[in-house]
Amino acid sequence: MKTRLYASLVALGALASGPALAGPFAPAAGQPGSTAVAKTNGAISGWATEVVSYQPASGVDATWRDPTRALGAAVGDAFDIVSLGNKGSITLGFGGTIYNGPGWDFAVFENSFNPTFLEFAFVEVSSNGSTFVRFPAFSLTPGPVGGFGAVDPTNVDGLAGKYQAGYGTPFDLGLFANANIPGFDVNAVTHVRLIDVKGDGSERDNWPASVGGPNPIYDVYPTVGSVGFDLDAIGVRYLDADPPVVVPPPSTPVPVPGAALLALAPLALLRRRRRA
């Protein structure tokens, strides 16, 4: 069971400090420049209230198959979670609508016991429960990690699970503000869906082909018992019981912003690393 693995690694002090920073993205919680959202952050105004759908993959023990553990506030430990299994999914509702405000709009909390024992999930949002839009994700982890391995969080962006227990990965709906996606309203998000990333490299990120992408996504894999992504909670910063007034989008559609997020990464650093 993965919880036994947690205890063993903690006892050994394994991976406690994590590797030196290597990638272009934000570092672990507590480090300068981190985007991690603490479970006690006063900006959080609400939490998930409803399990709309839970489809765990095979291999998840019954102990970790209670989706109601994802409701309410984040606990921040290894046990009060629901596991998705490899490529499993969960969809949650919030008793209102999430809307696009300044900065991050919601944060997803996983249960990693340290900054580098990371398991990831794709994050998707919907305004009607049927049309889902996926946040672009980027992974620069160079190779397989293994069940006892480590992932440098500075190599990862746009995936839930980037931060250790007690700290959420933030997501900003502003990425889609000008995308003009049929059936999707950036100011009236009713559902958030998480889909586990099978961390063996078989799934790819959104890194553009023009700079060598897409890249394989690696995380701590394989694990047993509480297999795959372990969801603690989803905290919402901008939550309204009724949809807010929506400003009409511009008349010219804008593509879903994978390339826009890529622009935030220092490509010069990436090129230096690949030449090294």
C-alpha atoms as a PDB file:
ATOM      1  CA  MET A   1       0.000   0.000   0.000  1.00  0.00           C
ATOM      2  CA  LYS A   2       1.265   3.459  -0.816  1.00  0.00           C
ATOM      3  CA  THR A   3       0.752   4.689   2.736  1.00  0.00           C
ATOM      4  CA  ARG A   4       3.352   2.139   3.883  1.00  0.00           C
ATOM      5  CA  LEU A   5       5.680   3.543   1.251  1.00  0.00           C
ATOM      6  CA  TYR A   6       5.075   7.025   2.685  1.00  0.00           C
ATOM      7  CA  ALA A   7       5.994   5.871   6.168  1.00  0.00           C
ATOM      8  CA  SER A   8       9.119   4.083   4.957  1.00  0.00           C
ATOM      9  CA  LEU A   9      10.392   7.052   2.983  1.00  0.00           C
ATOM     10  CA  VAL A  10       9.707   9.494   5.785  1.00  0.00           C
ATOM     11  CA  ALA A  11      11.527   7.227   8.239  1.00  0.00           C
ATOM     12  CA  LEU A  12      14.513   7.085   5.957  1.00  0.00           C
ATOM     13  CA  GLY A  13      14.454  10.816   5.331  1.00  0.00           C
ATOM     14  CA  ALA A  14      14.394  10.072   1.619  1.00  0.00           C
ATOM     15  CA  LEU A  15      13.903  12.957  -0.767  1.00  0.00           C
ATOM     16  CA  ALA A  16      13.323  15.335   2.107  1.00  0.00           C
ATOM     17  CA  SER A  17      15.129  18.282   0.620  1.00  0.00           C
ATOM     18  CA  GLY A  18      14.450  17.574  -3.060  1.00  0.00           C
ATOM     19  CA  PRO A  19      16.791  18.149  -6.000  1.00  0.00           C
ATOM     20  CA  ALA A  20      18.353  21.480  -6.962  1.00  0.00           C
ATOM     21  CA  LEU A  21      16.114  23.716  -9.022  1.00  0.00           C
ATOM     22  CA  ALA A  22      16.434  22.855 -12.696  1.00  0.00           C
ATOM     23  CA  GLY A  23      13.323  23.863 -14.625  1.00  0.00           C
ATOM     24  CA  PRO A  24      11.683  27.164 -15.636  1.00  0.00           C
ATOM     25  CA  PHE A  25       8.485  26.855 -13.580  1.00  0.00           C
ATOM     26  CA  ALA A  26       7.539  27.786 -10.015  1.00  0.00           C
ATOM     27  CA  PRO A  27       9.333  25.907  -7.200  1.00  0.00           C
ATOM     28  CA  ALA A  28       7.988  23.918  -4.249  1.00  0.00           C
ATOM     29  CA  ALA A  29       5.836  25.395  -1.492  1.00  0.00           C
ATOM     30  CA  GLY A  30       7.763  27.641   0.857  1.00  0.00           C
ATOM     31  CA  GLN A  31      10.412  28.579  -1.692  1.00  0.00           C
ATOM     32  CA  PRO A  32      10.701  32.049  -3.244  1.00  0.00           C
ATOM     33  CA  GLY A  33       8.504  32.314  -6.324  1.00  0.00           C
ATOM     34  CA  SER A  34       6.255  29.368  -5.436  1.00  0.00           C
ATOM     35  CA  THR A  35       2.600  29.654  -6.455  1.00  0.00           C
ATOM     36  CA  ALA A  36       1.427  27.095  -3.877  1.00  0.00           C
ATOM     37  CA  VAL A  37      -1.842  27.930  -2.111  1.00  0.00           C
ATOM     38  CA  ALA A  38      -1.902  26.978   1.582  1.00  0.00           C
ATOM     39  CA  LYS A  39      -5.037  25.178   2.756  1.00  0.00           C
ATOM     40  CA  THR A  40      -5.450  27.965   5.319  1.00  0.00           C
ATOM     41  CA  ASN A  41      -5.240  30.734   2.703  1.00  0.00           C
ATOM     42  CA  GLY A  42      -7.842  33.349   3.603  1.00  0.00           C
ATOM     43  CA  ALA A  43      -8.665  33.980  -0.060  1.00  0.00           C
ATOM     44  CA  ILE A  44     -10.411  30.587  -0.299  1.00  0.00           C
ATOM     45  CA  SER A  45     -14.144  31.287  -0.087  1.00  0.00           C
ATOM     46  CA  GLY A  46     -15.561  27.808  -0.694  1.00  0.00           C
ATOM     47  CA  TRP A  47     -14.903  24.122  -1.328  1.00  0.00           C
ATOM     48  CA  ALA A  48     -16.439  21.374  -3.428  1.00  0.00           C
ATOM     49  CA  THR A  49     -19.893  20.347  -2.216  1.00  0.00           C
ATOM     50  CA  GLU A  50     -20.986  17.626  -4.652  1.00  0.00           C
ATOM     51  CA  VAL A  51     -19.545  14.523  -6.308  1.00  0.00           C
ATOM     52  CA  VAL A  52     -20.975  14.580  -9.831  1.00  0.00           C
ATOM     53  CA  SER A  53     -19.024  11.594 -11.128  1.00  0.00           C
ATOM     54  CA  TYR A  54     -16.320   9.262  -9.843  1.00  0.00           C
ATOM     55  CA  GLN A  55     -14.739   6.702 -12.160  1.00  0.00           C
ATOM     56  CA  PRO A  56     -11.723   5.104 -10.493  1.00  0.00           C
ATOM     57  CA  ALA A  57      -9.427   2.884 -12.489  1.00  0.00           C
ATOM     58  CA  SER A  58      -8.775  -0.707 -11.481  1.00  0.00           C
ATOM     59  CA  GLY A  59      -6.196  -1.326  -8.777  1.00  0.00           C
ATOM     60  CA  VAL A  60      -7.439   1.238  -6.243  1.00  0.00           C
ATOM     61  CA  ASP A  61      -8.104  -0.433  -2.871  1.00  0.00           C
ATOM     62  CA  ALA A  62     -11.601  -0.045  -1.404  1.00  0.00           C
ATOM     63  CA  THR A  63     -10.136   2.059   1.419  1.00  0.00           C
ATOM     64  CA  TRP A  64      -9.391   4.865  -1.032  1.00  0.00           C
ATOM     65  CA  ARG A  65     -12.631   4.750  -3.084  1.00  0.00           C
ATOM     66  CA  ASP A  66     -14.805   7.117  -1.036  1.00  0.00           C
ATOM     67  CA  PRO A  67     -15.254  10.212  -3.251  1.00  0.00           C
ATOM     68  CA  THR A  68     -16.951  12.210  -0.480  1.00  0.00           C
ATOM     69  CA  ARG A  69     -13.504  12.643   1.045  1.00  0.00           C
ATOM     70  CA  ALA A  70     -12.875  15.195  -1.706  1.00  0.00           C
ATOM     71  CA  LEU A  71     -15.685  17.413  -0.377  1.00  0.00           C
ATOM     72  CA  GLY A  72     -15.155  20.244   2.053  1.00  0.00           C
ATOM     73  CA  ALA A  73     -11.916  21.810   3.215  1.00  0.00           C
ATOM     74  CA  ALA A  74      -8.486  20.305   2.581  1.00  0.00           C
ATOM     75  CA  VAL A  75      -7.173  18.238   5.493  1.00  0.00           C
ATOM     76  CA  GLY A  76      -3.563  18.081   4.365  1.00  0.00           C
ATOM     77  CA  ASP A  77      -2.644  14.525   5.368  1.00  0.00           C
ATOM     78  CA  ALA A  78      -2.023  11.250   3.541  1.00  0.00           C
ATOM     79  CA  PHE A  79      -5.293   9.582   4.498  1.00  0.00           C
ATOM     80  CA  ASP A  80      -8.338  11.841   4.011  1.00  0.00           C
ATOM     81  CA  ILE A  81      -8.278  11.421   0.228  1.00  0.00           C
ATOM     82  CA  VAL A  82      -9.910   9.644  -2.681  1.00  0.00           C
ATOM     83  CA  SER A  83      -7.682   7.948  -5.259  1.00  0.00           C
ATOM     84  CA  LEU A  84      -8.329   8.007  -8.991  1.00  0.00           C
ATOM     85  CA  GLY A  85      -6.132   5.136 -10.176  1.00  0.00           C
ATOM     86  CA  ASN A  86      -4.276   5.217 -13.477  1.00  0.00           C
ATOM     87  CA  LYS A  87      -6.352   7.416 -15.835  1.00  0.00           C
ATOM     88  CA  GLY A  88      -9.328   7.424 -13.450  1.00  0.00           C
ATOM     89  CA  SER A  89     -11.384  10.586 -13.014  1.00  0.00           C
ATOM     90  CA  ILE A  90     -13.603  12.584 -10.664  1.00  0.00           C
ATOM     91  CA  THR A  91     -15.937  15.514 -11.344  1.00  0.00           C
ATOM     92  CA  LEU A  92     -17.018  17.863  -8.563  1.00  0.00           C
ATOM     93  CA  GLY A  93     -19.628  20.602  -8.171  1.00  0.00           C
ATOM     94  CA  PHE A  94     -19.508  23.636  -5.886  1.00  0.00           C
ATOM     95  CA  GLY A  95     -22.999  24.788  -4.982  1.00  0.00           C
ATOM     96  CA  GLY A  96     -22.533  27.819  -7.208  1.00  0.00           C
ATOM     97  CA  THR A  97     -20.334  29.083 -10.019  1.00  0.00           C
ATOM     98  CA  ILE A  98     -16.608  29.701 -10.123  1.00  0.00           C
ATOM     99  CA  TYR A  99     -15.788  32.876 -11.993  1.00  0.00           C
ATOM    100  CA  ASN A 100     -12.659  34.510 -13.380  1.00  0.00           C
ATOM    101  CA  GLY A 101     -11.160  37.053 -11.002  1.00  0.00           C
ATOM    102  CA  PRO A 102      -7.718  38.578 -10.528  1.00  0.00           C
ATOM    103  CA  GLY A 103      -5.037  35.899 -10.173  1.00  0.00           C
ATOM    104  CA  TRP A 104      -5.837  32.255  -9.471  1.00  0.00           C
ATOM    105  CA  ASP A 105      -9.490  31.199  -9.229  1.00  0.00           C
ATOM    106  CA  PHE A 106      -9.350  27.729  -7.649  1.00  0.00           C
ATOM    107  CA  ALA A 107      -6.719  25.361  -6.287  1.00  0.00           C
ATOM    108  CA  VAL A 108      -6.454  21.560  -6.264  1.00  0.00           C
ATOM    109  CA  PHE A 109      -4.969  19.804  -3.217  1.00  0.00           C
ATOM    110  CA  GLU A 110      -3.192  16.431  -3.411  1.00  0.00           C
ATOM    111  CA  ASN A 111      -1.586  14.485  -0.538  1.00  0.00           C
ATOM    112  CA  SER A 112       2.112  14.183  -1.368  1.00  0.00           C
ATOM    113  CA  PHE A 113       4.113  13.838   1.859  1.00  0.00           C
ATOM    114  CA  ASN A 114       7.064  15.862   0.542  1.00  0.00           C
ATOM    115  CA  PRO A 115       7.895  18.326  -2.256  1.00  0.00           C
ATOM    116  CA  THR A 116       9.010  15.739  -4.816  1.00  0.00           C
ATOM    117  CA  PHE A 117       6.870  12.597  -4.380  1.00  0.00           C
ATOM    118  CA  LEU A 118       4.394  13.920  -6.941  1.00  0.00           C
ATOM    119  CA  GLU A 119       1.466  12.380  -8.824  1.00  0.00           C
ATOM    120  CA  PHE A 120      -0.399  14.429 -11.416  1.00  0.00           C
ATOM    121  CA  ALA A 121      -3.832  14.930 -12.904  1.00  0.00           C
ATOM    122  CA  PHE A 122      -5.134  16.899 -15.871  1.00  0.00           C
ATOM    123  CA  VAL A 123      -7.602  19.631 -14.869  1.00  0.00           C
ATOM    124  CA  GLU A 124     -10.728  20.389 -16.881  1.00  0.00           C
ATOM    125  CA  VAL A 125     -13.561  22.874 -16.304  1.00  0.00           C
ATOM    126  CA  SER A 126     -17.127  23.116 -17.585  1.00  0.00           C
ATOM    127  CA  SER A 127     -20.062  25.520 -17.495  1.00  0.00           C
ATOM    128  CA  ASN A 128     -22.707  22.923 -18.340  1.00  0.00           C
ATOM    129  CA  GLY A 129     -21.382  19.538 -17.237  1.00  0.00           C
ATOM    130  CA  SER A 130     -20.879  18.317 -20.795  1.00  0.00           C
ATOM    131  CA  THR A 131     -18.426  20.681 -22.533  1.00  0.00           C
ATOM    132  CA  PHE A 132     -15.090  20.462 -20.723  1.00  0.00           C
ATOM    133  CA  VAL A 133     -12.012  22.588 -21.398  1.00  0.00           C
ATOM    134  CA  ARG A 134      -8.586  21.309 -20.336  1.00  0.00           C
ATOM    135  CA  PHE A 135      -5.875  23.516 -18.888  1.00  0.00           C
ATOM    136  CA  PRO A 136      -2.657  23.279 -20.923  1.00  0.00           C
ATOM    137  CA  ALA A 137      -0.031  21.235 -19.106  1.00  0.00           C
ATOM    138  CA  PHE A 138       3.757  21.161 -19.392  1.00  0.00           C
ATOM    139  CA  SER A 139       6.271  18.589 -18.210  1.00  0.00           C
ATOM    140  CA  LEU A 140      10.049  18.726 -18.600  1.00  0.00           C
ATOM    141  CA  THR A 141      10.903  15.724 -16.406  1.00  0.00           C
ATOM    142  CA  PRO A 142      13.572  14.031 -18.522  1.00  0.00           C
ATOM    143  CA  GLY A 143      12.768  10.358 -17.917  1.00  0.00           C
ATOM    144  CA  PRO A 144      10.856   7.719 -15.915  1.00  0.00           C
ATOM    145  CA  VAL A 145      10.681   8.330 -12.176  1.00  0.00           C
ATOM    146  CA  GLY A 146       9.690   4.960 -10.686  1.00  0.00           C
ATOM    147  CA  GLY A 147       7.649   4.201  -7.584  1.00  0.00           C
ATOM    148  CA  PHE A 148      10.377   5.447  -5.226  1.00  0.00           C
ATOM    149  CA  GLY A 149      11.517   8.376  -7.357  1.00  0.00           C
ATOM    150  CA  ALA A 150      11.287  12.148  -7.263  1.00  0.00           C
ATOM    151  CA  VAL A 151       9.913  14.861  -9.542  1.00  0.00           C
ATOM    152  CA  ASP A 152      11.358  18.372  -9.560  1.00  0.00           C
ATOM    153  CA  PRO A 153       8.309  20.706  -9.368  1.00  0.00           C
ATOM    154  CA  THR A 154      10.171  23.364 -11.358  1.00  0.00           C
ATOM    155  CA  ASN A 155       9.821  21.045 -14.364  1.00  0.00           C
ATOM    156  CA  VAL A 156       6.003  20.966 -14.164  1.00  0.00           C
ATOM    157  CA  ASP A 157       3.196  23.444 -14.812  1.00  0.00           C
ATOM    158  CA  GLY A 158      -0.552  23.235 -15.435  1.00  0.00           C
ATOM    159  CA  LEU A 159      -1.021  19.860 -13.713  1.00  0.00           C
ATOM    160  CA  ALA A 160      -2.758  19.255 -10.377  1.00  0.00           C
ATOM    161  CA  GLY A 161      -0.451  17.615  -7.850  1.00  0.00           C
ATOM    162  CA  LYS A 162       2.519  19.954  -8.281  1.00  0.00           C
ATOM    163  CA  TYR A 163       2.611  20.697  -4.539  1.00  0.00           C
ATOM    164  CA  GLN A 164       2.798  18.618  -1.373  1.00  0.00           C
ATOM    165  CA  ALA A 165      -0.039  17.967   1.078  1.00  0.00           C
ATOM    166  CA  GLY A 166      -1.553  21.084   2.580  1.00  0.00           C
ATOM    167  CA  TYR A 167      -0.755  23.184  -0.485  1.00  0.00           C
ATOM    168  CA  GLY A 168      -2.936  23.499  -3.566  1.00  0.00           C
ATOM    169  CA  THR A 169      -1.959  23.927  -7.196  1.00  0.00           C
ATOM    170  CA  PRO A 170      -3.645  27.126  -8.446  1.00  0.00           C
ATOM    171  CA  PHE A 171      -5.537  27.483 -11.736  1.00  0.00           C
ATOM    172  CA  ASP A 172      -6.490  30.725 -13.455  1.00  0.00           C
ATOM    173  CA  LEU A 173      -9.579  30.780 -15.682  1.00  0.00           C
ATOM    174  CA  GLY A 174      -8.156  33.904 -17.291  1.00  0.00           C
ATOM    175  CA  LEU A 175      -6.262  31.579 -19.633  1.00  0.00           C
ATOM    176  CA  PHE A 176      -9.584  31.034 -21.419  1.00  0.00           C
ATOM    177  CA  ALA A 177     -11.006  34.544 -21.102  1.00  0.00           C
ATOM    178  CA  ASN A 178     -10.758  35.336 -24.827  1.00  0.00           C
ATOM    179  CA  ALA A 179     -10.977  31.828 -26.237  1.00  0.00           C
ATOM    180  CA  ASN A 180     -14.654  31.978 -27.319  1.00  0.00           C
ATOM    181  CA  ILE A 181     -15.254  28.279 -26.701  1.00  0.00           C
ATOM    182  CA  PRO A 182     -18.821  27.230 -27.599  1.00  0.00           C
ATOM    183  CA  GLY A 183     -20.745  26.108 -24.514  1.00  0.00           C
ATOM    184  CA  PHE A 184     -18.134  27.433 -22.082  1.00  0.00           C
ATOM    185  CA  ASP A 185     -18.461  30.567 -19.924  1.00  0.00           C
ATOM    186  CA  VAL A 186     -15.296  31.563 -18.094  1.00  0.00           C
ATOM    187  CA  ASN A 187     -17.421  33.420 -15.524  1.00  0.00           C
ATOM    188  CA  ALA A 188     -19.818  30.573 -14.786  1.00  0.00           C
ATOM    189  CA  VAL A 189     -17.846  27.368 -14.182  1.00  0.00           C
ATOM    190  CA  THR A 190     -20.019  24.752 -12.511  1.00  0.00           C
ATOM    191  CA  HIS A 191     -17.816  21.626 -12.693  1.00  0.00           C
ATOM    192  CA  VAL A 192     -14.145  20.767 -12.244  1.00  0.00           C
ATOM    193  CA  ARG A 193     -12.939  17.396 -13.525  1.00  0.00           C
ATOM    194  CA  LEU A 194      -9.618  15.743 -12.675  1.00  0.00           C
ATOM    195  CA  ILE A 195      -8.190  12.947 -14.815  1.00  0.00           C
ATOM    196  CA  ASP A 196      -5.212  11.014 -13.518  1.00  0.00           C
ATOM    197  CA  VAL A 197      -2.046  11.109 -15.584  1.00  0.00           C
ATOM    198  CA  LYS A 198      -0.572   7.648 -15.977  1.00  0.00           C
ATOM    199  CA  GLY A 199       2.966   8.641 -15.132  1.00  0.00           C
ATOM    200  CA  ASP A 200       4.847   6.175 -17.333  1.00  0.00           C
ATOM    201  CA  GLY A 201       5.370   8.669 -20.159  1.00  0.00           C
ATOM    202  CA  SER A 202       2.552   7.292 -22.319  1.00  0.00           C
ATOM    203  CA  GLU A 203       0.668  10.607 -22.065  1.00  0.00           C
ATOM    204  CA  ARG A 204       1.912  13.870 -23.530  1.00  0.00           C
ATOM    205  CA  ASP A 205       1.896  17.522 -22.553  1.00  0.00           C
ATOM    206  CA  ASN A 206       1.120  20.668 -24.577  1.00  0.00           C
ATOM    207  CA  TRP A 207       4.695  21.727 -25.264  1.00  0.00           C
ATOM    208  CA  PRO A 208       4.683  22.922 -28.912  1.00  0.00           C
ATOM    209  CA  ALA A 209       6.356  20.880 -31.612  1.00  0.00           C
ATOM    210  CA  SER A 210       8.256  24.007 -32.672  1.00  0.00           C
ATOM    211  CA  VAL A 211      10.387  23.694 -29.516  1.00  0.00           C
ATOM    212  CA  GLY A 212      10.577  19.909 -29.362  1.00  0.00           C
ATOM    213  CA  GLY A 213       7.209  18.947 -27.895  1.00  0.00           C
ATOM    214  CA  PRO A 214       4.947  17.420 -26.970  1.00  0.00           C
ATOM    215  CA  ASN A 215       6.810  15.905 -24.046  1.00  0.00           C
ATOM    216  CA  PRO A 216       6.031  12.670 -22.193  1.00  0.00           C
ATOM    217  CA  ILE A 217       4.640  13.238 -18.694  1.00  0.00           C
ATOM    218  CA  TYR A 218       6.365  11.320 -15.920  1.00  0.00           C
ATOM    219  CA  ASP A 219       5.415  11.111 -12.261  1.00  0.00           C
ATOM    220  CA  VAL A 220       5.852   8.643  -9.387  1.00  0.00           C
ATOM    221  CA  TYR A 221       4.806   5.404 -11.116  1.00  0.00           C
ATOM    222  CA  PRO A 222       3.824   2.671 -10.433  1.00  0.00           C
ATOM    223  CA  THR A 223       2.174   2.807  -7.007  1.00  0.00           C
ATOM    224  CA  VAL A 224      -0.229   0.407  -5.280  1.00  0.00           C
ATOM    225  CA  GLY A 225      -3.182   0.711  -2.916  1.00  0.00           C
ATOM    226  CA  SER A 226      -4.016   4.389  -3.282  1.00  0.00           C
ATOM    227  CA  VAL A 227      -3.039   4.271  -6.949  1.00  0.00           C
ATOM    228  CA  GLY A 228      -2.472   7.415  -8.988  1.00  0.00           C
ATOM    229  CA  PHE A 229      -3.649  10.919  -8.137  1.00  0.00           C
ATOM    230  CA  ASP A 230      -4.981  11.288  -4.578  1.00  0.00           C
ATOM    231  CA  LEU A 231      -7.467  14.134  -4.218  1.00  0.00           C
ATOM    232  CA  ASP A 232      -7.790  15.909  -0.884  1.00  0.00           C
ATOM    233  CA  ALA A 233      -9.956  18.881  -1.897  1.00  0.00           C
ATOM    234  CA  ILE A 234     -10.601  21.711  -4.340  1.00  0.00           C
ATOM    235  CA  GLY A 235     -10.695  25.203  -2.865  1.00  0.00           C
ATOM    236  CA  VAL A 236     -12.358  28.097  -4.694  1.00  0.00           C
ATOM    237  CA  ARG A 237     -11.340  31.728  -4.485  1.00  0.00           C
ATOM    238  CA  TYR A 238     -14.116  33.298  -6.591  1.00  0.00           C
ATOM    239  CA  LEU A 239     -17.417  31.551  -5.933  1.00  0.00           C
ATOM    240  CA  ASP A 240     -20.875  32.973  -6.581  1.00  0.00           C
ATOM    241  CA  ALA A 241     -24.216  31.392  -5.763  1.00  0.00           C
ATOM    242  CA  ASP A 242     -25.544  32.954  -8.983  1.00  0.00           C
ATOM    243  CA  PRO A 243     -23.687  33.538 -12.262  1.00  0.00           C
ATOM    244  CA  PRO A 244     -22.156  37.034 -12.294  1.00  0.00           C
ATOM    245  CA  VAL A 245     -22.802  39.511 -15.090  1.00  0.00           C
ATOM    246  CA  VAL A 246     -20.677  38.412 -18.038  1.00  0.00           C
ATOM    247  CA  VAL A 247     -18.992  40.928 -20.312  1.00  0.00           C
ATOM    248  CA  PRO A 248     -19.479  39.838 -23.964  1.00  0.00           C
ATOM    249  CA  PRO A 249     -16.273  38.336 -25.397  1.00  0.00           C
ATOM    250  CA  PRO A 250     -14.495  39.929 -28.356  1.00  0.00           C
ATOM    251  CA  SER A 251     -15.940  39.132 -31.760  1.00  0.00           C
ATOM    252  CA  THR A 252     -12.759  37.512 -33.078  1.00  0.00           C
ATOM    253  CA  PRO A 253     -12.217  34.009 -31.637  1.00  0.00           C
ATOM    254  CA  VAL A 254      -8.863  33.362 -30.015  1.00  0.00           C
ATOM    255  CA  PRO A 255      -7.387  29.819 -29.912  1.00  0.00           C
ATOM    256  CA  VAL A 256      -7.325  27.978 -26.597  1.00  0.00           C
ATOM    257  CA  PRO A 257      -4.125  29.318 -25.029  1.00  0.00           C
ATOM    258  CA  GLY A 258      -1.529  26.587 -24.968  1.00  0.00           C
ATOM    259  CA  ALA A 259       1.056  28.815 -26.629  1.00  0.00           C
ATOM    260  CA  ALA A 260       0.137  31.733 -24.364  1.00  0.00           C
ATOM    261  CA  LEU A 261       1.109  29.817 -21.252  1.00  0.00           C
ATOM    262  CA  LEU A 262       4.255  28.577 -22.936  1.00  0.00           C
ATOM    263  CA  ALA A 263       5.324  32.195 -23.324  1.00  0.00           C
ATOM    264  CA  LEU A 264       5.600  32.387 -19.544  1.00  0.00           C
ATOM    265  CA  ALA A 265       8.419  29.828 -19.519  1.00  0.00           C
ATOM    266  CA  PRO A 266      11.938  31.138 -20.128  1.00  0.00           C
ATOM    267  CA  LEU A 267      12.751  29.363 -23.361  1.00  0.00           C
ATOM    268  CA  ALA A 268      16.332  30.490 -23.162  1.00  0.00           C
ATOM    269  CA  LEU A 269      16.733  28.397 -20.019  1.00  0.00           C
ATOM    270  CA  LEU A 270      15.113  25.435 -21.751  1.00  0.00           C
ATOM    271  CA  ARG A 271      17.506  25.678 -24.705  1.00  0.00           C
ATOM    272  CA  ARG A 272      20.519  25.897 -22.384  1.00  0.00           C
ATOM    273  CA  ARG A 273      19.354  22.794 -20.528  1.00  0.00           C
ATOM    274  CA  ARG A 274      18.899  20.814 -23.726  1.00  0.00           C
ATOM    275  CA  ARG A 275      22.347  21.761 -24.987  1.00  0.00           C
ATOM    276  CA  ALA A 276      23.908  20.804 -21.661  1.00  0.00           C
END
